[in-house]
Amino acid sequence: MGVLGIGGLFFRAKDPDALNAWYRDHLGVGAGCNAEGTGDPDDWYWQVQGGPVVFAPFKASTDYFAADKQFMINLRVEGIDALIASLSAAGVAVETRAEWDDPTTGRFARIHDPEGNAIELWQPPL
């Protein structure tokens, strides 16, 4: 069919520069960042590792994320415990729930960026 993957994620922000800096500094996400083993960073894009991507529209009435938000970002991570510790040390509130974790789907944590957008951190099963 020709589609190779998601080419970008674009959304409105009250302060795009500050939000870009927050994602870069806390999560290593955005232009100028690269995932481990993907080469040198590029000023224009974020180089990621290949892997599974879930594309799933939810019912408008879902309570899985805030009703006033149209989307939730899910980031595939490794070393979720170390990432949670780093975020917590930086003052980022991290939510975890035992019922979110399942050996067949992986481990999850939830944070919010400075503008209130939910970010789900997902470590797939090993």
N, C-alpha and C. Protein backbone atom coordinates (compact mmCIF):
# COMPACT_ATOMS: atom_id res chain seq x y z
N MET A 1 0.83 -1.20 0.00
CA MET A 1 0.00 0.00 0.00
C MET A 1 0.86 1.25 0.00
N GLY A 2 2.11 1.17 0.40
CA GLY A 2 3.00 2.32 0.33
C GLY A 2 3.29 2.99 1.65
N VAL A 3 2.46 2.84 2.67
CA VAL A 3 2.70 3.49 3.96
C VAL A 3 3.77 2.69 4.71
N LEU A 4 4.80 3.38 5.18
CA LEU A 4 5.90 2.73 5.88
C LEU A 4 5.87 2.94 7.38
N GLY A 5 5.12 3.91 7.85
CA GLY A 5 5.05 4.20 9.26
C GLY A 5 4.56 5.61 9.49
N ILE A 6 4.53 6.02 10.73
CA ILE A 6 4.12 7.38 11.07
C ILE A 6 5.27 8.32 10.76
N GLY A 7 5.01 9.37 10.05
CA GLY A 7 6.03 10.32 9.65
C GLY A 7 6.14 11.51 10.57
N GLY A 8 5.19 11.71 11.44
CA GLY A 8 5.25 12.85 12.36
C GLY A 8 4.02 12.91 13.23
N LEU A 9 4.13 13.69 14.26
CA LEU A 9 3.01 13.96 15.15
C LEU A 9 2.99 15.46 15.36
N PHE A 10 1.92 16.11 14.96
CA PHE A 10 1.82 17.56 15.00
C PHE A 10 0.64 17.95 15.87
N PHE A 11 0.86 18.87 16.80
CA PHE A 11 -0.23 19.31 17.66
C PHE A 11 0.02 20.74 18.11
N ARG A 12 -1.05 21.41 18.49
CA ARG A 12 -0.96 22.79 18.93
C ARG A 12 -0.38 22.89 20.33
N ALA A 13 0.32 23.98 20.59
CA ALA A 13 0.87 24.22 21.93
C ALA A 13 0.81 25.72 22.22
N LYS A 14 0.61 26.03 23.49
CA LYS A 14 0.61 27.45 23.89
C LYS A 14 2.00 28.05 23.75
N ASP A 15 3.03 27.27 24.07
CA ASP A 15 4.41 27.72 23.97
C ASP A 15 5.23 26.60 23.33
N PRO A 16 5.24 26.54 21.97
CA PRO A 16 5.91 25.44 21.27
C PRO A 16 7.39 25.30 21.63
N ASP A 17 8.10 26.41 21.77
CA ASP A 17 9.54 26.31 22.09
C ASP A 17 9.77 25.68 23.46
N ALA A 18 9.01 26.12 24.46
CA ALA A 18 9.15 25.56 25.80
C ALA A 18 8.75 24.09 25.82
N LEU A 19 7.69 23.73 25.10
CA LEU A 19 7.25 22.34 25.08
C LEU A 19 8.26 21.46 24.36
N ASN A 20 8.84 21.95 23.25
CA ASN A 20 9.91 21.22 22.57
C ASN A 20 11.06 20.95 23.53
N ALA A 21 11.47 21.96 24.27
CA ALA A 21 12.58 21.82 25.22
C ALA A 21 12.24 20.80 26.30
N TRP A 22 11.01 20.80 26.82
CA TRP A 22 10.60 19.86 27.86
C TRP A 22 10.70 18.43 27.34
N TYR A 23 10.15 18.15 26.15
CA TYR A 23 10.21 16.81 25.57
C TYR A 23 11.65 16.38 25.33
N ARG A 24 12.46 17.26 24.80
CA ARG A 24 13.87 16.96 24.54
C ARG A 24 14.61 16.67 25.85
N ASP A 25 14.44 17.54 26.85
CA ASP A 25 15.20 17.43 28.09
C ASP A 25 14.77 16.24 28.95
N HIS A 26 13.49 15.94 29.01
CA HIS A 26 13.00 14.88 29.90
C HIS A 26 12.86 13.52 29.24
N LEU A 27 12.61 13.51 27.92
CA LEU A 27 12.33 12.25 27.25
C LEU A 27 13.25 11.94 26.07
N GLY A 28 14.08 12.91 25.66
CA GLY A 28 14.93 12.68 24.50
C GLY A 28 14.13 12.56 23.21
N VAL A 29 13.06 13.33 23.12
CA VAL A 29 12.13 13.27 21.98
C VAL A 29 12.16 14.59 21.22
N GLY A 30 12.18 14.50 19.91
CA GLY A 30 12.06 15.69 19.08
C GLY A 30 13.26 15.92 18.20
N ALA A 31 13.21 16.97 17.43
CA ALA A 31 14.29 17.32 16.50
C ALA A 31 15.60 17.40 17.25
N GLY A 32 16.63 16.82 16.65
CA GLY A 32 17.95 16.83 17.27
C GLY A 32 18.19 15.68 18.22
N CYS A 33 17.22 14.79 18.38
CA CYS A 33 17.38 13.63 19.27
C CYS A 33 17.45 12.37 18.41
N ASN A 34 18.04 11.34 18.97
CA ASN A 34 18.03 10.05 18.30
C ASN A 34 18.01 8.93 19.32
N ALA A 35 17.30 7.86 18.97
CA ALA A 35 17.26 6.68 19.83
C ALA A 35 18.59 5.95 19.74
N GLU A 36 18.91 5.24 20.79
CA GLU A 36 20.16 4.48 20.84
C GLU A 36 20.29 3.58 19.61
N GLY A 37 21.45 3.60 19.01
CA GLY A 37 21.73 2.73 17.87
C GLY A 37 21.21 3.22 16.54
N THR A 38 20.78 4.49 16.45
CA THR A 38 20.21 4.99 15.19
C THR A 38 21.10 6.01 14.50
N GLY A 39 22.31 6.20 14.96
CA GLY A 39 23.21 7.14 14.30
C GLY A 39 23.22 8.50 14.97
N ASP A 40 23.75 9.46 14.23
CA ASP A 40 23.89 10.82 14.75
C ASP A 40 22.58 11.58 14.65
N PRO A 41 22.32 12.45 15.63
CA PRO A 41 21.09 13.26 15.59
C PRO A 41 21.09 14.22 14.39
N ASP A 42 19.92 14.58 13.95
CA ASP A 42 19.73 15.54 12.87
C ASP A 42 18.96 16.72 13.45
N ASP A 43 19.29 17.92 13.03
CA ASP A 43 18.63 19.11 13.57
C ASP A 43 17.14 19.17 13.24
N TRP A 44 16.69 18.45 12.22
CA TRP A 44 15.33 18.60 11.74
C TRP A 44 14.37 17.54 12.27
N TYR A 45 14.85 16.34 12.53
CA TYR A 45 13.94 15.28 12.94
C TYR A 45 14.51 14.44 14.07
N TRP A 46 13.68 13.57 14.60
CA TRP A 46 14.03 12.64 15.67
C TRP A 46 14.15 11.26 15.04
N GLN A 47 15.30 10.64 15.14
CA GLN A 47 15.52 9.31 14.58
C GLN A 47 15.13 8.27 15.63
N VAL A 48 14.23 7.38 15.28
CA VAL A 48 13.72 6.39 16.23
C VAL A 48 14.10 4.98 15.79
N GLN A 49 14.01 4.05 16.71
CA GLN A 49 14.19 2.64 16.38
C GLN A 49 12.87 2.09 15.84
N GLY A 50 12.96 1.18 14.90
CA GLY A 50 11.77 0.52 14.38
C GLY A 50 11.16 -0.39 15.44
N GLY A 51 9.90 -0.58 15.37
CA GLY A 51 9.21 -1.45 16.31
C GLY A 51 7.72 -1.27 16.20
N PRO A 52 6.99 -1.91 17.09
CA PRO A 52 5.53 -1.86 17.01
C PRO A 52 4.98 -0.47 17.30
N VAL A 53 3.92 -0.12 16.58
CA VAL A 53 3.18 1.13 16.79
C VAL A 53 1.71 0.77 16.85
N VAL A 54 1.03 1.21 17.89
CA VAL A 54 -0.41 0.97 18.01
C VAL A 54 -1.12 2.20 17.45
N PHE A 55 -2.01 1.99 16.51
CA PHE A 55 -2.82 3.06 15.94
C PHE A 55 -4.26 2.69 16.25
N ALA A 56 -4.89 3.39 17.20
CA ALA A 56 -6.19 2.96 17.68
C ALA A 56 -7.08 4.13 18.05
N PRO A 57 -8.04 4.48 17.19
CA PRO A 57 -9.04 5.45 17.61
C PRO A 57 -9.85 4.88 18.79
N PHE A 58 -10.13 5.74 19.76
CA PHE A 58 -10.92 5.35 20.92
C PHE A 58 -12.31 5.97 20.79
N LYS A 59 -13.29 5.40 21.48
CA LYS A 59 -14.62 5.99 21.53
C LYS A 59 -14.52 7.39 22.14
N ALA A 60 -15.35 8.30 21.68
CA ALA A 60 -15.35 9.67 22.19
C ALA A 60 -15.60 9.71 23.70
N SER A 61 -16.27 8.70 24.23
CA SER A 61 -16.61 8.67 25.65
C SER A 61 -15.55 7.97 26.52
N THR A 62 -14.41 7.62 25.95
CA THR A 62 -13.39 6.89 26.72
C THR A 62 -12.96 7.67 27.96
N ASP A 63 -12.63 6.93 29.01
CA ASP A 63 -12.05 7.57 30.19
C ASP A 63 -10.58 7.17 30.33
N TYR A 64 -10.02 6.59 29.27
CA TYR A 64 -8.62 6.17 29.29
C TYR A 64 -7.67 7.36 29.35
N PHE A 65 -8.10 8.50 28.82
CA PHE A 65 -7.37 9.76 28.97
C PHE A 65 -8.38 10.89 29.04
N ALA A 66 -7.91 12.09 29.37
CA ALA A 66 -8.78 13.23 29.69
C ALA A 66 -9.80 13.52 28.57
N ALA A 67 -11.03 13.78 29.00
CA ALA A 67 -12.12 14.04 28.06
C ALA A 67 -11.90 15.31 27.24
N ASP A 68 -11.13 16.26 27.75
CA ASP A 68 -10.92 17.51 27.02
C ASP A 68 -9.74 17.43 26.05
N LYS A 69 -9.13 16.27 25.91
CA LYS A 69 -8.00 16.07 24.99
C LYS A 69 -8.41 15.12 23.87
N GLN A 70 -7.96 15.41 22.67
CA GLN A 70 -8.30 14.60 21.53
C GLN A 70 -7.31 13.45 21.28
N PHE A 71 -6.18 13.48 21.96
CA PHE A 71 -5.19 12.45 21.73
C PHE A 71 -4.39 12.19 23.00
N MET A 72 -3.67 11.06 23.00
CA MET A 72 -2.69 10.76 24.02
C MET A 72 -1.48 10.18 23.31
N ILE A 73 -0.31 10.65 23.64
CA ILE A 73 0.92 10.13 23.06
C ILE A 73 1.34 8.89 23.84
N ASN A 74 1.70 7.84 23.14
CA ASN A 74 2.26 6.64 23.75
C ASN A 74 3.67 6.50 23.22
N LEU A 75 4.65 6.50 24.12
CA LEU A 75 6.06 6.36 23.73
C LEU A 75 6.57 5.00 24.15
N ARG A 76 7.14 4.27 23.19
CA ARG A 76 7.75 2.98 23.45
C ARG A 76 9.11 3.23 24.08
N VAL A 77 9.37 2.64 25.25
CA VAL A 77 10.60 2.91 26.00
C VAL A 77 11.29 1.61 26.38
N GLU A 78 12.54 1.73 26.80
CA GLU A 78 13.23 0.63 27.46
C GLU A 78 13.77 1.18 28.76
N GLY A 79 13.97 0.31 29.73
CA GLY A 79 14.45 0.77 31.03
C GLY A 79 13.46 1.68 31.72
N ILE A 80 12.21 1.25 31.78
CA ILE A 80 11.14 2.10 32.30
C ILE A 80 11.39 2.50 33.76
N ASP A 81 11.98 1.61 34.56
CA ASP A 81 12.23 1.95 35.97
C ASP A 81 13.22 3.13 36.08
N ALA A 82 14.28 3.09 35.29
CA ALA A 82 15.26 4.19 35.31
C ALA A 82 14.64 5.48 34.79
N LEU A 83 13.80 5.39 33.76
CA LEU A 83 13.14 6.57 33.23
C LEU A 83 12.19 7.17 34.26
N ILE A 84 11.43 6.33 34.94
CA ILE A 84 10.52 6.81 36.00
C ILE A 84 11.31 7.51 37.09
N ALA A 85 12.43 6.93 37.49
CA ALA A 85 13.27 7.54 38.54
C ALA A 85 13.81 8.89 38.08
N SER A 86 14.25 8.98 36.83
CA SER A 86 14.77 10.24 36.29
C SER A 86 13.69 11.32 36.23
N LEU A 87 12.51 10.94 35.77
CA LEU A 87 11.40 11.89 35.68
C LEU A 87 10.99 12.36 37.08
N SER A 88 10.87 11.42 37.99
CA SER A 88 10.50 11.77 39.37
C SER A 88 11.52 12.71 39.99
N ALA A 89 12.80 12.45 39.77
CA ALA A 89 13.86 13.30 40.31
C ALA A 89 13.80 14.71 39.73
N ALA A 90 13.27 14.83 38.51
CA ALA A 90 13.14 16.13 37.85
C ALA A 90 11.84 16.83 38.23
N GLY A 91 11.05 16.20 39.11
CA GLY A 91 9.81 16.82 39.56
C GLY A 91 8.60 16.52 38.69
N VAL A 92 8.73 15.58 37.75
CA VAL A 92 7.61 15.19 36.90
C VAL A 92 6.80 14.13 37.63
N ALA A 93 5.51 14.37 37.79
CA ALA A 93 4.63 13.40 38.45
C ALA A 93 4.45 12.19 37.56
N VAL A 94 4.69 11.01 38.10
CA VAL A 94 4.57 9.76 37.35
C VAL A 94 3.52 8.90 38.02
N GLU A 95 2.56 8.43 37.24
CA GLU A 95 1.52 7.54 37.76
C GLU A 95 1.77 6.14 37.23
N THR A 96 1.73 5.16 38.11
CA THR A 96 1.78 3.76 37.73
C THR A 96 0.64 3.04 38.43
N ARG A 97 0.18 1.98 37.83
CA ARG A 97 -0.87 1.15 38.43
C ARG A 97 -0.55 -0.31 38.11
N ALA A 98 -0.66 -1.15 39.10
CA ALA A 98 -0.37 -2.57 38.90
C ALA A 98 -1.24 -3.16 37.79
N GLU A 99 -2.50 -2.72 37.70
CA GLU A 99 -3.41 -3.29 36.69
C GLU A 99 -3.04 -2.89 35.27
N TRP A 100 -2.21 -1.87 35.10
CA TRP A 100 -1.77 -1.50 33.75
C TRP A 100 -0.73 -2.47 33.22
N ASP A 101 0.02 -3.12 34.10
CA ASP A 101 1.11 -3.99 33.69
C ASP A 101 0.61 -5.41 33.47
N ASP A 102 1.08 -6.01 32.36
CA ASP A 102 0.67 -7.36 32.02
C ASP A 102 1.83 -8.00 31.26
N PRO A 103 2.20 -9.22 31.61
CA PRO A 103 3.34 -9.85 30.94
C PRO A 103 3.17 -9.99 29.42
N THR A 104 1.93 -10.02 28.94
CA THR A 104 1.72 -10.16 27.50
C THR A 104 1.73 -8.83 26.75
N THR A 105 1.48 -7.71 27.45
CA THR A 105 1.47 -6.41 26.77
C THR A 105 2.58 -5.50 27.23
N GLY A 106 3.12 -5.71 28.41
CA GLY A 106 4.24 -4.90 28.88
C GLY A 106 3.92 -4.09 30.12
N ARG A 107 4.76 -3.10 30.37
CA ARG A 107 4.63 -2.23 31.54
C ARG A 107 4.31 -0.81 31.10
N PHE A 108 3.56 -0.09 31.93
CA PHE A 108 3.10 1.25 31.58
C PHE A 108 3.28 2.23 32.73
N ALA A 109 3.46 3.48 32.37
CA ALA A 109 3.44 4.59 33.31
C ALA A 109 2.81 5.77 32.58
N ARG A 110 2.30 6.72 33.33
CA ARG A 110 1.63 7.88 32.73
C ARG A 110 2.21 9.15 33.32
N ILE A 111 2.52 10.10 32.45
CA ILE A 111 2.95 11.43 32.85
C ILE A 111 2.16 12.44 32.03
N HIS A 112 2.33 13.72 32.35
CA HIS A 112 1.71 14.79 31.57
C HIS A 112 2.76 15.83 31.27
N ASP A 113 2.71 16.38 30.06
CA ASP A 113 3.64 17.45 29.73
C ASP A 113 3.17 18.75 30.39
N PRO A 114 3.94 19.82 30.31
CA PRO A 114 3.56 21.07 30.99
C PRO A 114 2.24 21.67 30.52
N GLU A 115 1.73 21.25 29.36
CA GLU A 115 0.45 21.76 28.87
C GLU A 115 -0.69 20.79 29.13
N GLY A 116 -0.43 19.74 29.93
CA GLY A 116 -1.49 18.83 30.33
C GLY A 116 -1.77 17.67 29.40
N ASN A 117 -0.95 17.49 28.37
CA ASN A 117 -1.15 16.37 27.45
C ASN A 117 -0.64 15.08 28.10
N ALA A 118 -1.47 14.05 28.07
CA ALA A 118 -1.09 12.77 28.65
C ALA A 118 -0.05 12.08 27.77
N ILE A 119 0.93 11.48 28.43
CA ILE A 119 1.96 10.71 27.75
C ILE A 119 2.02 9.36 28.44
N GLU A 120 1.75 8.32 27.68
CA GLU A 120 1.85 6.98 28.22
C GLU A 120 3.21 6.42 27.83
N LEU A 121 3.94 5.94 28.82
CA LEU A 121 5.23 5.31 28.61
C LEU A 121 5.00 3.81 28.59
N TRP A 122 5.44 3.15 27.53
CA TRP A 122 5.15 1.72 27.35
C TRP A 122 6.45 0.97 27.12
N GLN A 123 6.74 0.04 28.01
CA GLN A 123 7.86 -0.87 27.79
C GLN A 123 7.26 -2.20 27.36
N PRO A 124 7.40 -2.56 26.07
CA PRO A 124 6.86 -3.83 25.61
C PRO A 124 7.47 -5.00 26.37
N PRO A 125 6.80 -6.15 26.37
CA PRO A 125 7.37 -7.30 27.06
C PRO A 125 8.73 -7.66 26.46
N LEU A 126 9.61 -8.13 27.33
CA LEU A 126 10.96 -8.48 26.87
C LEU A 126 11.02 -9.76 26.12
